[in-house]
Amino acid sequence: MYKNEPIFLQPVFQERIWGGKKLREEFNYDIPYERTGEAWVISAHPHGPSHIINGPLAGRTLADAWNEHKELFNKPNDYQGEYPLLIKILDAADDLSVQVHPNDQFAREVEGVPYGKTECWYVLSAEEGAELVLGHHAKTAEELAQLIDQGEWEQLLRHVKVKGGDFVYVPSGTIHAIGKGIVILETQQSSDITYRVYDYDRTDASGQKRELHLGRSKQVTTVPHKDVVVQQTEKVNGDLIDKKLVEEQYFTVHHWQLNGRAVCDMDKNFLQVSVIEGQAVLTSNETSFTIEKGTHFILPNGIQQYTLEGKAELIVSHESIIPKDE
């Protein structure tokens, strides 16, 4: 089953108060909402599992494949862990809420779920002057709580300008928010836990303000804020420039720039691949597949070697093997 074939996936779209139409305009997706904020493009999470669109499991979900065919991911049949990662594309037509995510220990003990949420963002596009919230200026937990309670957002929040091609690593415990006019590809732990700190006093369609989670936000926020400097490396394989963006506890993420042909050996349990620009042909075991901007797929464990040919940009990710020390 899928011994020599990629597993192609259909995005799951999520309506968001801050969403827009760029997933249609930039990726030609048939979005279902005027405010489509997220496409969950590689997901086994119960709040939005991706459906498989090719091969013997067509119509089933990625969660089904993970639970029933662990050999595709080089896991033993009795392995009890949940699918570890989640890939999204986000269109911020308006500012996202200022928020923070817990680590694994807090998620397990308080929320009863296996994963907290560490994430990272590759900026696909950004309007001129676009900003993120990334971190805060409080020196102590007491100062953090005081500034939150008093609504001193300008004093508390740390703003960072971004442009297309930038990369941002966001460990659990980091106060953050994607700003208006930014489209990102997000690689994260497979978790949907968000604690809102501030939502600009917005109201939803029913005129209600969205719930805030100030108590838990104060509990899980890292104080003082710590910038994490990730070590990036670059290597060349044929006509493929492979830039490693991050290798941290939960995931390793690469940016691939293909300008011609490259033969690649499969040396990971499985790979997650998103085409963010251009078009190419993927060949494995003499079977070829056309991949283009907006295509998302998994290279399963059965593939030993594959060839890419064309002109394309890809974001590629996999589980990290670095020990988790939370």
C-alpha atoms as a PDB file:
ATOM      1  CA  MET A   1       0.000   0.000   0.000  1.00  0.00           C
ATOM      2  CA  TYR A   2       1.519   3.301  -1.190  1.00  0.00           C
ATOM      3  CA  LYS A   3       4.845   1.474  -1.305  1.00  0.00           C
ATOM      4  CA  ASN A   4       6.093   3.777  -4.048  1.00  0.00           C
ATOM      5  CA  GLU A   5       3.456   6.519  -4.149  1.00  0.00           C
ATOM      6  CA  PRO A   6       2.996   9.831  -2.387  1.00  0.00           C
ATOM      7  CA  ILE A   7      -0.208  10.324  -0.401  1.00  0.00           C
ATOM      8  CA  PHE A   8      -1.974  13.448  -1.719  1.00  0.00           C
ATOM      9  CA  LEU A   9      -4.278  15.358   0.629  1.00  0.00           C
ATOM     10  CA  GLN A  10      -7.285  17.672   0.300  1.00  0.00           C
ATOM     11  CA  PRO A  11      -7.199  20.844   2.444  1.00  0.00           C
ATOM     12  CA  VAL A  12      -9.807  21.378   5.158  1.00  0.00           C
ATOM     13  CA  PHE A  13     -10.953  24.998   5.367  1.00  0.00           C
ATOM     14  CA  GLN A  14     -11.771  26.865   8.567  1.00  0.00           C
ATOM     15  CA  GLU A  15     -13.842  30.037   8.851  1.00  0.00           C
ATOM     16  CA  ARG A  16     -12.255  32.702  11.034  1.00  0.00           C
ATOM     17  CA  ILE A  17     -13.350  36.188  12.089  1.00  0.00           C
ATOM     18  CA  TRP A  18     -10.029  37.518  10.748  1.00  0.00           C
ATOM     19  CA  GLY A  19      -9.994  35.464   7.524  1.00  0.00           C
ATOM     20  CA  GLY A  20     -10.228  36.618   3.918  1.00  0.00           C
ATOM     21  CA  LYS A  21     -10.092  35.447   0.298  1.00  0.00           C
ATOM     22  CA  LYS A  22      -6.383  35.054  -0.430  1.00  0.00           C
ATOM     23  CA  LEU A  23      -6.536  31.266  -0.251  1.00  0.00           C
ATOM     24  CA  ARG A  24      -8.685  31.519  -3.380  1.00  0.00           C
ATOM     25  CA  GLU A  25      -6.693  34.321  -4.984  1.00  0.00           C
ATOM     26  CA  GLU A  26      -3.204  32.945  -4.314  1.00  0.00           C
ATOM     27  CA  PHE A  27      -3.806  29.164  -4.344  1.00  0.00           C
ATOM     28  CA  ASN A  28      -6.952  28.839  -6.479  1.00  0.00           C
ATOM     29  CA  TYR A  29      -8.677  26.924  -3.700  1.00  0.00           C
ATOM     30  CA  ASP A  30     -12.456  26.624  -3.790  1.00  0.00           C
ATOM     31  CA  ILE A  31     -12.931  28.209  -0.382  1.00  0.00           C
ATOM     32  CA  PRO A  32     -16.337  27.819   1.284  1.00  0.00           C
ATOM     33  CA  TYR A  33     -16.408  31.062   3.300  1.00  0.00           C
ATOM     34  CA  GLU A  34     -15.939  34.762   2.620  1.00  0.00           C
ATOM     35  CA  ARG A  35     -13.752  34.814   5.720  1.00  0.00           C
ATOM     36  CA  THR A  36     -11.698  31.678   5.171  1.00  0.00           C
ATOM     37  CA  GLY A  37      -8.822  32.036   7.591  1.00  0.00           C
ATOM     38  CA  GLU A  38      -7.142  28.636   7.516  1.00  0.00           C
ATOM     39  CA  ALA A  39      -6.517  25.685   5.239  1.00  0.00           C
ATOM     40  CA  TRP A  40      -5.466  22.641   7.243  1.00  0.00           C
ATOM     41  CA  VAL A  41      -3.469  21.078   4.441  1.00  0.00           C
ATOM     42  CA  ILE A  42      -1.782  18.137   6.217  1.00  0.00           C
ATOM     43  CA  SER A  43      -3.833  17.230   9.266  1.00  0.00           C
ATOM     44  CA  ALA A  44      -4.845  14.207  11.305  1.00  0.00           C
ATOM     45  CA  HIS A  45      -6.357  16.383  14.045  1.00  0.00           C
ATOM     46  CA  PRO A  46     -10.002  15.571  14.919  1.00  0.00           C
ATOM     47  CA  HIS A  47     -11.033  19.220  14.429  1.00  0.00           C
ATOM     48  CA  GLY A  48     -10.100  19.041  10.742  1.00  0.00           C
ATOM     49  CA  PRO A  49      -8.586  15.831   9.337  1.00  0.00           C
ATOM     50  CA  SER A  50      -7.338  15.973   5.737  1.00  0.00           C
ATOM     51  CA  HIS A  51      -8.859  13.505   3.261  1.00  0.00           C
ATOM     52  CA  ILE A  52      -6.693  11.379   0.981  1.00  0.00           C
ATOM     53  CA  ILE A  53      -7.389  11.896  -2.736  1.00  0.00           C
ATOM     54  CA  ASN A  54      -5.405   9.098  -4.406  1.00  0.00           C
ATOM     55  CA  GLY A  55      -4.576   5.429  -4.117  1.00  0.00           C
ATOM     56  CA  PRO A  56      -6.199   2.648  -2.096  1.00  0.00           C
ATOM     57  CA  LEU A  57      -7.146   4.934   0.807  1.00  0.00           C
ATOM     58  CA  ALA A  58      -8.828   7.595  -1.344  1.00  0.00           C
ATOM     59  CA  GLY A  59     -11.720   9.142   0.590  1.00  0.00           C
ATOM     60  CA  ARG A  60     -10.309   8.106   3.950  1.00  0.00           C
ATOM     61  CA  THR A  61      -8.611  10.552   6.308  1.00  0.00           C
ATOM     62  CA  LEU A  62      -4.964  10.945   7.205  1.00  0.00           C
ATOM     63  CA  ALA A  63      -5.986   9.914  10.731  1.00  0.00           C
ATOM     64  CA  ASP A  64      -7.352   6.650   9.296  1.00  0.00           C
ATOM     65  CA  ALA A  65      -4.064   5.998   7.516  1.00  0.00           C
ATOM     66  CA  TRP A  66      -2.088   6.722  10.685  1.00  0.00           C
ATOM     67  CA  ASN A  67      -4.246   4.509  12.880  1.00  0.00           C
ATOM     68  CA  GLU A  68      -4.630   1.577  10.479  1.00  0.00           C
ATOM     69  CA  HIS A  69      -1.393   1.548   8.453  1.00  0.00           C
ATOM     70  CA  LYS A  70       1.435   2.618  10.706  1.00  0.00           C
ATOM     71  CA  GLU A  71       3.915   0.961   8.364  1.00  0.00           C
ATOM     72  CA  LEU A  72       3.470   3.947   6.048  1.00  0.00           C
ATOM     73  CA  PHE A  73       5.071   6.115   8.742  1.00  0.00           C
ATOM     74  CA  ASN A  74       7.651   3.542   9.953  1.00  0.00           C
ATOM     75  CA  LYS A  75       5.840   3.026  13.245  1.00  0.00           C
ATOM     76  CA  PRO A  76       5.190  -0.355  14.906  1.00  0.00           C
ATOM     77  CA  ASN A  77       1.579  -1.527  14.786  1.00  0.00           C
ATOM     78  CA  ASP A  78       1.203  -1.197  18.559  1.00  0.00           C
ATOM     79  CA  TYR A  79       2.482   2.401  18.589  1.00  0.00           C
ATOM     80  CA  GLN A  80      -0.035   4.465  20.576  1.00  0.00           C
ATOM     81  CA  GLY A  81       1.132   8.019  19.837  1.00  0.00           C
ATOM     82  CA  GLU A  82      -1.032  10.378  17.804  1.00  0.00           C
ATOM     83  CA  TYR A  83       0.018  11.880  14.471  1.00  0.00           C
ATOM     84  CA  PRO A  84       2.550  14.485  15.609  1.00  0.00           C
ATOM     85  CA  LEU A  85       2.348  17.439  13.220  1.00  0.00           C
ATOM     86  CA  LEU A  86      -0.151  19.754  11.571  1.00  0.00           C
ATOM     87  CA  ILE A  87       0.442  21.972   8.527  1.00  0.00           C
ATOM     88  CA  LYS A  88      -1.754  25.001   7.823  1.00  0.00           C
ATOM     89  CA  ILE A  89      -1.895  27.979   5.495  1.00  0.00           C
ATOM     90  CA  LEU A  90      -3.315  31.085   7.203  1.00  0.00           C
ATOM     91  CA  ASP A  91      -4.711  34.212   5.539  1.00  0.00           C
ATOM     92  CA  ALA A  92      -4.821  37.108   7.982  1.00  0.00           C
ATOM     93  CA  ALA A  93      -7.108  39.675   6.360  1.00  0.00           C
ATOM     94  CA  ASP A  94      -7.298  41.215   9.835  1.00  0.00           C
ATOM     95  CA  ASP A  95      -5.157  40.898  12.958  1.00  0.00           C
ATOM     96  CA  LEU A  96      -5.366  37.585  14.781  1.00  0.00           C
ATOM     97  CA  SER A  97      -5.990  37.669  18.504  1.00  0.00           C
ATOM     98  CA  VAL A  98      -2.968  37.995  20.766  1.00  0.00           C
ATOM     99  CA  GLN A  99      -2.539  34.486  22.143  1.00  0.00           C
ATOM    100  CA  VAL A 100      -0.269  31.911  23.734  1.00  0.00           C
ATOM    101  CA  HIS A 101      -0.087  28.107  23.694  1.00  0.00           C
ATOM    102  CA  PRO A 102       0.850  25.671  26.478  1.00  0.00           C
ATOM    103  CA  ASN A 103       3.642  23.104  26.468  1.00  0.00           C
ATOM    104  CA  ASP A 104       3.054  19.347  26.432  1.00  0.00           C
ATOM    105  CA  GLN A 105       3.022  18.927  30.197  1.00  0.00           C
ATOM    106  CA  PHE A 106       0.391  21.640  30.747  1.00  0.00           C
ATOM    107  CA  ALA A 107      -1.694  20.336  27.822  1.00  0.00           C
ATOM    108  CA  ARG A 108      -1.707  16.819  29.251  1.00  0.00           C
ATOM    109  CA  GLU A 109      -2.309  17.761  32.874  1.00  0.00           C
ATOM    110  CA  VAL A 110      -4.847  20.571  32.382  1.00  0.00           C
ATOM    111  CA  GLU A 111      -6.485  19.994  28.986  1.00  0.00           C
ATOM    112  CA  GLY A 112      -6.195  16.201  28.801  1.00  0.00           C
ATOM    113  CA  VAL A 113      -4.705  16.190  25.313  1.00  0.00           C
ATOM    114  CA  PRO A 114      -1.331  14.761  24.249  1.00  0.00           C
ATOM    115  CA  TYR A 115       0.315  17.803  22.710  1.00  0.00           C
ATOM    116  CA  GLY A 116       0.893  21.425  23.542  1.00  0.00           C
ATOM    117  CA  LYS A 117       1.711  23.738  20.692  1.00  0.00           C
ATOM    118  CA  THR A 118       5.082  24.834  19.442  1.00  0.00           C
ATOM    119  CA  GLU A 119       4.863  26.221  15.919  1.00  0.00           C
ATOM    120  CA  CYS A 120       6.771  28.035  13.203  1.00  0.00           C
ATOM    121  CA  TRP A 121       5.804  30.260  10.292  1.00  0.00           C
ATOM    122  CA  TYR A 122       7.138  30.645   6.775  1.00  0.00           C
ATOM    123  CA  VAL A 123       5.831  33.987   5.478  1.00  0.00           C
ATOM    124  CA  LEU A 124       4.391  33.375   2.007  1.00  0.00           C
ATOM    125  CA  SER A 125       3.401  36.997   1.445  1.00  0.00           C
ATOM    126  CA  ALA A 126       3.053  40.183   3.463  1.00  0.00           C
ATOM    127  CA  GLU A 127       1.738  43.625   2.663  1.00  0.00           C
ATOM    128  CA  GLU A 128       4.220  46.453   3.033  1.00  0.00           C
ATOM    129  CA  GLY A 129       4.696  47.367   6.683  1.00  0.00           C
ATOM    130  CA  ALA A 130       2.993  44.199   7.973  1.00  0.00           C
ATOM    131  CA  GLU A 131       3.785  43.259  11.574  1.00  0.00           C
ATOM    132  CA  LEU A 132       3.610  40.318  13.936  1.00  0.00           C
ATOM    133  CA  VAL A 133       3.281  40.299  17.686  1.00  0.00           C
ATOM    134  CA  LEU A 134       6.153  38.152  18.942  1.00  0.00           C
ATOM    135  CA  GLY A 135       6.840  38.186  22.654  1.00  0.00           C
ATOM    136  CA  HIS A 136       6.405  40.791  25.366  1.00  0.00           C
ATOM    137  CA  HIS A 137       8.373  43.314  27.441  1.00  0.00           C
ATOM    138  CA  ALA A 138       7.420  42.185  30.967  1.00  0.00           C
ATOM    139  CA  LYS A 139      10.377  41.287  33.170  1.00  0.00           C
ATOM    140  CA  THR A 140       8.462  39.308  35.806  1.00  0.00           C
ATOM    141  CA  ALA A 141       5.260  37.286  36.074  1.00  0.00           C
ATOM    142  CA  GLU A 142       3.843  39.992  38.338  1.00  0.00           C
ATOM    143  CA  GLU A 143       4.521  42.696  35.750  1.00  0.00           C
ATOM    144  CA  LEU A 144       3.011  40.520  33.011  1.00  0.00           C
ATOM    145  CA  ALA A 145      -0.177  40.018  35.028  1.00  0.00           C
ATOM    146  CA  GLN A 146      -0.406  43.717  35.884  1.00  0.00           C
ATOM    147  CA  LEU A 147      -0.006  44.873  32.277  1.00  0.00           C
ATOM    148  CA  ILE A 148      -2.576  42.342  31.065  1.00  0.00           C
ATOM    149  CA  ASP A 149      -5.083  43.276  33.767  1.00  0.00           C
ATOM    150  CA  GLN A 150      -4.646  46.998  33.027  1.00  0.00           C
ATOM    151  CA  GLY A 151      -4.869  46.494  29.255  1.00  0.00           C
ATOM    152  CA  GLU A 152      -1.506  48.179  28.685  1.00  0.00           C
ATOM    153  CA  TRP A 153      -1.029  46.472  25.325  1.00  0.00           C
ATOM    154  CA  GLU A 154       1.330  49.005  23.771  1.00  0.00           C
ATOM    155  CA  GLN A 155       3.613  48.729  26.770  1.00  0.00           C
ATOM    156  CA  LEU A 156       3.384  44.940  26.943  1.00  0.00           C
ATOM    157  CA  LEU A 157       3.501  43.623  23.378  1.00  0.00           C
ATOM    158  CA  ARG A 158       6.569  43.320  21.184  1.00  0.00           C
ATOM    159  CA  HIS A 159       6.027  43.998  17.452  1.00  0.00           C
ATOM    160  CA  VAL A 160       8.183  42.705  14.597  1.00  0.00           C
ATOM    161  CA  LYS A 161       7.946  43.683  10.903  1.00  0.00           C
ATOM    162  CA  VAL A 162       8.021  40.831   8.365  1.00  0.00           C
ATOM    163  CA  LYS A 163       8.147  40.316   4.610  1.00  0.00           C
ATOM    164  CA  GLY A 164       7.664  37.383   2.261  1.00  0.00           C
ATOM    165  CA  GLY A 165      10.311  34.702   2.746  1.00  0.00           C
ATOM    166  CA  ASP A 166      10.849  35.405   6.448  1.00  0.00           C
ATOM    167  CA  PHE A 167      10.802  32.535   8.932  1.00  0.00           C
ATOM    168  CA  VAL A 168       9.624  32.737  12.557  1.00  0.00           C
ATOM    169  CA  TYR A 169       9.957  30.081  15.259  1.00  0.00           C
ATOM    170  CA  VAL A 170       7.333  30.263  18.031  1.00  0.00           C
ATOM    171  CA  PRO A 171       7.920  27.940  21.007  1.00  0.00           C
ATOM    172  CA  SER A 172       5.063  27.181  23.399  1.00  0.00           C
ATOM    173  CA  GLY A 173       4.772  29.912  26.016  1.00  0.00           C
ATOM    174  CA  THR A 174       5.394  32.711  23.473  1.00  0.00           C
ATOM    175  CA  ILE A 175       2.783  35.482  23.290  1.00  0.00           C
ATOM    176  CA  HIS A 176       2.163  36.061  19.581  1.00  0.00           C
ATOM    177  CA  ALA A 177      -0.229  37.176  16.873  1.00  0.00           C
ATOM    178  CA  ILE A 178      -0.131  37.185  13.091  1.00  0.00           C
ATOM    179  CA  GLY A 179      -0.861  40.663  11.785  1.00  0.00           C
ATOM    180  CA  LYS A 180      -3.173  41.933   9.070  1.00  0.00           C
ATOM    181  CA  GLY A 181      -2.007  41.412   5.495  1.00  0.00           C
ATOM    182  CA  ILE A 182       0.156  38.345   6.139  1.00  0.00           C
ATOM    183  CA  VAL A 183      -0.199  34.866   4.616  1.00  0.00           C
ATOM    184  CA  ILE A 184       1.859  32.118   6.247  1.00  0.00           C
ATOM    185  CA  LEU A 185       2.489  28.410   6.066  1.00  0.00           C
ATOM    186  CA  GLU A 186       2.516  27.102   9.611  1.00  0.00           C
ATOM    187  CA  THR A 187       4.198  23.922  10.814  1.00  0.00           C
ATOM    188  CA  GLN A 188       3.114  22.982  14.332  1.00  0.00           C
ATOM    189  CA  GLN A 189       2.475  20.218  16.790  1.00  0.00           C
ATOM    190  CA  SER A 190      -0.888  18.582  16.178  1.00  0.00           C
ATOM    191  CA  SER A 191      -2.749  20.662  18.743  1.00  0.00           C
ATOM    192  CA  ASP A 192      -5.636  23.116  18.673  1.00  0.00           C
ATOM    193  CA  ILE A 193      -5.227  24.704  22.122  1.00  0.00           C
ATOM    194  CA  THR A 194      -5.194  28.501  22.070  1.00  0.00           C
ATOM    195  CA  TYR A 195      -5.392  30.852  25.051  1.00  0.00           C
ATOM    196  CA  ARG A 196      -6.490  34.331  23.973  1.00  0.00           C
ATOM    197  CA  VAL A 197      -4.908  37.252  25.783  1.00  0.00           C
ATOM    198  CA  TYR A 198      -6.402  40.153  23.802  1.00  0.00           C
ATOM    199  CA  ASP A 199      -8.821  40.330  20.860  1.00  0.00           C
ATOM    200  CA  TYR A 200      -9.076  44.075  20.138  1.00  0.00           C
ATOM    201  CA  ASP A 201     -12.584  44.087  21.701  1.00  0.00           C
ATOM    202  CA  ARG A 202     -13.978  42.608  18.478  1.00  0.00           C
ATOM    203  CA  THR A 203     -17.447  41.098  18.304  1.00  0.00           C
ATOM    204  CA  ASP A 204     -18.553  38.095  16.273  1.00  0.00           C
ATOM    205  CA  ALA A 205     -21.599  37.838  13.982  1.00  0.00           C
ATOM    206  CA  SER A 206     -23.891  37.603  17.000  1.00  0.00           C
ATOM    207  CA  GLY A 207     -22.413  40.744  18.571  1.00  0.00           C
ATOM    208  CA  GLN A 208     -20.541  38.862  21.277  1.00  0.00           C
ATOM    209  CA  LYS A 209     -16.897  39.330  22.182  1.00  0.00           C
ATOM    210  CA  ARG A 210     -14.832  36.176  21.864  1.00  0.00           C
ATOM    211  CA  GLU A 211     -13.773  34.478  25.071  1.00  0.00           C
ATOM    212  CA  LEU A 212     -10.447  35.413  26.614  1.00  0.00           C
ATOM    213  CA  HIS A 213      -8.346  33.036  28.720  1.00  0.00           C
ATOM    214  CA  LEU A 214      -6.364  35.399  30.915  1.00  0.00           C
ATOM    215  CA  GLY A 215      -5.758  33.061  33.846  1.00  0.00           C
ATOM    216  CA  ARG A 216      -4.269  30.270  31.791  1.00  0.00           C
ATOM    217  CA  SER A 217      -2.428  32.731  29.569  1.00  0.00           C
ATOM    218  CA  LYS A 218      -0.595  34.073  32.611  1.00  0.00           C
ATOM    219  CA  GLN A 219       0.168  30.526  33.746  1.00  0.00           C
ATOM    220  CA  VAL A 220       1.799  29.352  30.514  1.00  0.00           C
ATOM    221  CA  THR A 221       3.567  32.478  29.221  1.00  0.00           C
ATOM    222  CA  THR A 222       7.350  32.405  29.383  1.00  0.00           C
ATOM    223  CA  VAL A 223       8.641  35.331  31.478  1.00  0.00           C
ATOM    224  CA  PRO A 224      10.795  37.091  30.532  1.00  0.00           C
ATOM    225  CA  HIS A 225      10.389  36.540  26.796  1.00  0.00           C
ATOM    226  CA  LYS A 226      13.265  34.653  25.205  1.00  0.00           C
ATOM    227  CA  ASP A 227      14.169  34.995  21.546  1.00  0.00           C
ATOM    228  CA  VAL A 228      15.173  31.629  20.142  1.00  0.00           C
ATOM    229  CA  VAL A 229      17.920  31.835  17.541  1.00  0.00           C
ATOM    230  CA  VAL A 230      17.601  28.844  15.214  1.00  0.00           C
ATOM    231  CA  GLN A 231      20.621  27.520  13.355  1.00  0.00           C
ATOM    232  CA  GLN A 232      19.962  27.463   9.611  1.00  0.00           C
ATOM    233  CA  THR A 233      22.087  25.525   7.149  1.00  0.00           C
ATOM    234  CA  GLU A 234      22.100  25.124   3.390  1.00  0.00           C
ATOM    235  CA  LYS A 235      23.213  22.378   1.035  1.00  0.00           C
ATOM    236  CA  VAL A 236      22.872  21.672  -2.682  1.00  0.00           C
ATOM    237  CA  ASN A 237      21.638  18.433  -4.264  1.00  0.00           C
ATOM    238  CA  GLY A 238      21.762  18.630  -8.047  1.00  0.00           C
ATOM    239  CA  ASP A 239      19.517  21.562  -8.970  1.00  0.00           C
ATOM    240  CA  LEU A 240      17.912  21.650  -5.524  1.00  0.00           C
ATOM    241  CA  ILE A 241      18.930  24.167  -2.860  1.00  0.00           C
ATOM    242  CA  ASP A 242      17.933  22.730   0.527  1.00  0.00           C
ATOM    243  CA  LYS A 243      17.781  25.320   3.312  1.00  0.00           C
ATOM    244  CA  LYS A 244      17.105  23.893   6.759  1.00  0.00           C
ATOM    245  CA  LEU A 245      14.976  26.536   8.513  1.00  0.00           C
ATOM    246  CA  VAL A 246      14.735  24.921  11.928  1.00  0.00           C
ATOM    247  CA  GLU A 247      15.559  21.690  13.732  1.00  0.00           C
ATOM    248  CA  GLU A 248      14.130  21.800  17.208  1.00  0.00           C
ATOM    249  CA  GLN A 249      12.304  19.510  19.640  1.00  0.00           C
ATOM    250  CA  TYR A 250       9.213  18.640  17.652  1.00  0.00           C
ATOM    251  CA  PHE A 251       9.890  19.197  13.972  1.00  0.00           C
ATOM    252  CA  THR A 252      12.500  19.915  11.343  1.00  0.00           C
ATOM    253  CA  VAL A 253      11.477  22.241   8.506  1.00  0.00           C
ATOM    254  CA  HIS A 254      13.227  22.866   5.179  1.00  0.00           C
ATOM    255  CA  HIS A 255      12.744  25.307   2.311  1.00  0.00           C
ATOM    256  CA  TRP A 256      13.568  23.684  -1.039  1.00  0.00           C
ATOM    257  CA  GLN A 257      14.263  25.749  -4.159  1.00  0.00           C
ATOM    258  CA  LEU A 258      14.151  23.507  -7.245  1.00  0.00           C
ATOM    259  CA  ASN A 259      15.531  24.827 -10.533  1.00  0.00           C
ATOM    260  CA  GLY A 260      15.971  21.725 -12.667  1.00  0.00           C
ATOM    261  CA  ARG A 261      16.447  18.133 -11.525  1.00  0.00           C
ATOM    262  CA  ALA A 262      17.385  16.440  -8.256  1.00  0.00           C
ATOM    263  CA  VAL A 263      17.521  12.828  -7.115  1.00  0.00           C
ATOM    264  CA  CYS A 264      16.634  12.501  -3.424  1.00  0.00           C
ATOM    265  CA  ASP A 265      17.107   9.608  -1.025  1.00  0.00           C
ATOM    266  CA  MET A 266      14.415   9.007   1.563  1.00  0.00           C
ATOM    267  CA  ASP A 267      16.141   8.896   4.963  1.00  0.00           C
ATOM    268  CA  LYS A 268      13.258   9.889   7.277  1.00  0.00           C
ATOM    269  CA  ASN A 269      10.260   7.968   8.615  1.00  0.00           C
ATOM    270  CA  PHE A 270       8.063  10.064   6.339  1.00  0.00           C
ATOM    271  CA  LEU A 271       8.102  13.541   4.813  1.00  0.00           C
ATOM    272  CA  GLN A 272       5.389  16.207   4.632  1.00  0.00           C
ATOM    273  CA  VAL A 273       5.602  18.355   1.489  1.00  0.00           C
ATOM    274  CA  SER A 274       3.797  21.570   0.487  1.00  0.00           C
ATOM    275  CA  VAL A 275       4.373  23.218  -2.885  1.00  0.00           C
ATOM    276  CA  ILE A 276       4.288  26.982  -2.351  1.00  0.00           C
ATOM    277  CA  GLU A 277       5.348  28.171  -5.831  1.00  0.00           C
ATOM    278  CA  GLY A 278       5.803  26.756  -9.312  1.00  0.00           C
ATOM    279  CA  GLN A 279       5.383  23.279 -10.748  1.00  0.00           C
ATOM    280  CA  ALA A 280       7.417  20.082 -10.911  1.00  0.00           C
ATOM    281  CA  VAL A 281       7.218  16.381 -11.657  1.00  0.00           C
ATOM    282  CA  LEU A 282       7.778  13.920  -8.826  1.00  0.00           C
ATOM    283  CA  THR A 283       8.892  10.454  -9.948  1.00  0.00           C
ATOM    284  CA  SER A 284       9.163   7.377  -7.751  1.00  0.00           C
ATOM    285  CA  ASN A 285       9.602   3.807  -8.999  1.00  0.00           C
ATOM    286  CA  GLU A 286       8.956   4.949 -12.589  1.00  0.00           C
ATOM    287  CA  THR A 287       5.598   6.505 -11.652  1.00  0.00           C
ATOM    288  CA  SER A 288       5.310  10.260 -12.162  1.00  0.00           C
ATOM    289  CA  PHE A 289       3.052  12.838 -10.548  1.00  0.00           C
ATOM    290  CA  THR A 290       2.654  16.511 -11.416  1.00  0.00           C
ATOM    291  CA  ILE A 291       2.848  18.746  -8.351  1.00  0.00           C
ATOM    292  CA  GLU A 292       2.142  22.481  -8.332  1.00  0.00           C
ATOM    293  CA  LYS A 293       1.495  25.435  -6.059  1.00  0.00           C
ATOM    294  CA  GLY A 294      -1.153  24.418  -3.535  1.00  0.00           C
ATOM    295  CA  THR A 295      -0.357  20.678  -3.678  1.00  0.00           C
ATOM    296  CA  HIS A 296       0.255  18.952  -0.349  1.00  0.00           C
ATOM    297  CA  PHE A 297       1.344  15.360   0.155  1.00  0.00           C
ATOM    298  CA  ILE A 298       3.205  12.861   2.314  1.00  0.00           C
ATOM    299  CA  LEU A 299       6.086  10.728   1.116  1.00  0.00           C
ATOM    300  CA  PRO A 300       5.546   7.495   3.076  1.00  0.00           C
ATOM    301  CA  ASN A 301       8.140   5.139   4.467  1.00  0.00           C
ATOM    302  CA  GLY A 302       7.955   2.766   1.476  1.00  0.00           C
ATOM    303  CA  ILE A 303       9.572   5.255  -0.889  1.00  0.00           C
ATOM    304  CA  GLN A 304      13.327   4.772  -0.977  1.00  0.00           C
ATOM    305  CA  GLN A 305      14.317   7.294  -3.632  1.00  0.00           C
ATOM    306  CA  TYR A 306      12.522   9.872  -5.753  1.00  0.00           C
ATOM    307  CA  THR A 307      13.284  12.463  -8.409  1.00  0.00           C
ATOM    308  CA  LEU A 308      12.064  16.028  -8.651  1.00  0.00           C
ATOM    309  CA  GLU A 309      12.208  17.929 -11.919  1.00  0.00           C
ATOM    310  CA  GLY A 310      10.920  21.418 -12.659  1.00  0.00           C
ATOM    311  CA  LYS A 311      10.922  24.878 -11.134  1.00  0.00           C
ATOM    312  CA  ALA A 312       9.257  25.060  -7.737  1.00  0.00           C
ATOM    313  CA  GLU A 313       9.518  26.081  -4.096  1.00  0.00           C
ATOM    314  CA  LEU A 314       8.548  23.586  -1.408  1.00  0.00           C
ATOM    315  CA  ILE A 315       8.280  23.524   2.368  1.00  0.00           C
ATOM    316  CA  VAL A 316       9.265  20.079   3.638  1.00  0.00           C
ATOM    317  CA  SER A 317       8.967  18.885   7.237  1.00  0.00           C
ATOM    318  CA  HIS A 318       9.312  15.819   9.405  1.00  0.00           C
ATOM    319  CA  GLU A 319       9.470  14.748  13.030  1.00  0.00           C
ATOM    320  CA  SER A 320      12.613  15.701  14.889  1.00  0.00           C
ATOM    321  CA  ILE A 321      14.578  13.147  16.856  1.00  0.00           C
ATOM    322  CA  ILE A 322      15.963  15.648  19.374  1.00  0.00           C
ATOM    323  CA  PRO A 323      15.047  14.546  22.928  1.00  0.00           C
ATOM    324  CA  LYS A 324      12.127  16.483  24.401  1.00  0.00           C
ATOM    325  CA  ASP A 325      13.184  18.025  27.699  1.00  0.00           C
ATOM    326  CA  GLU A 326      10.106  19.906  28.946  1.00  0.00           C
END
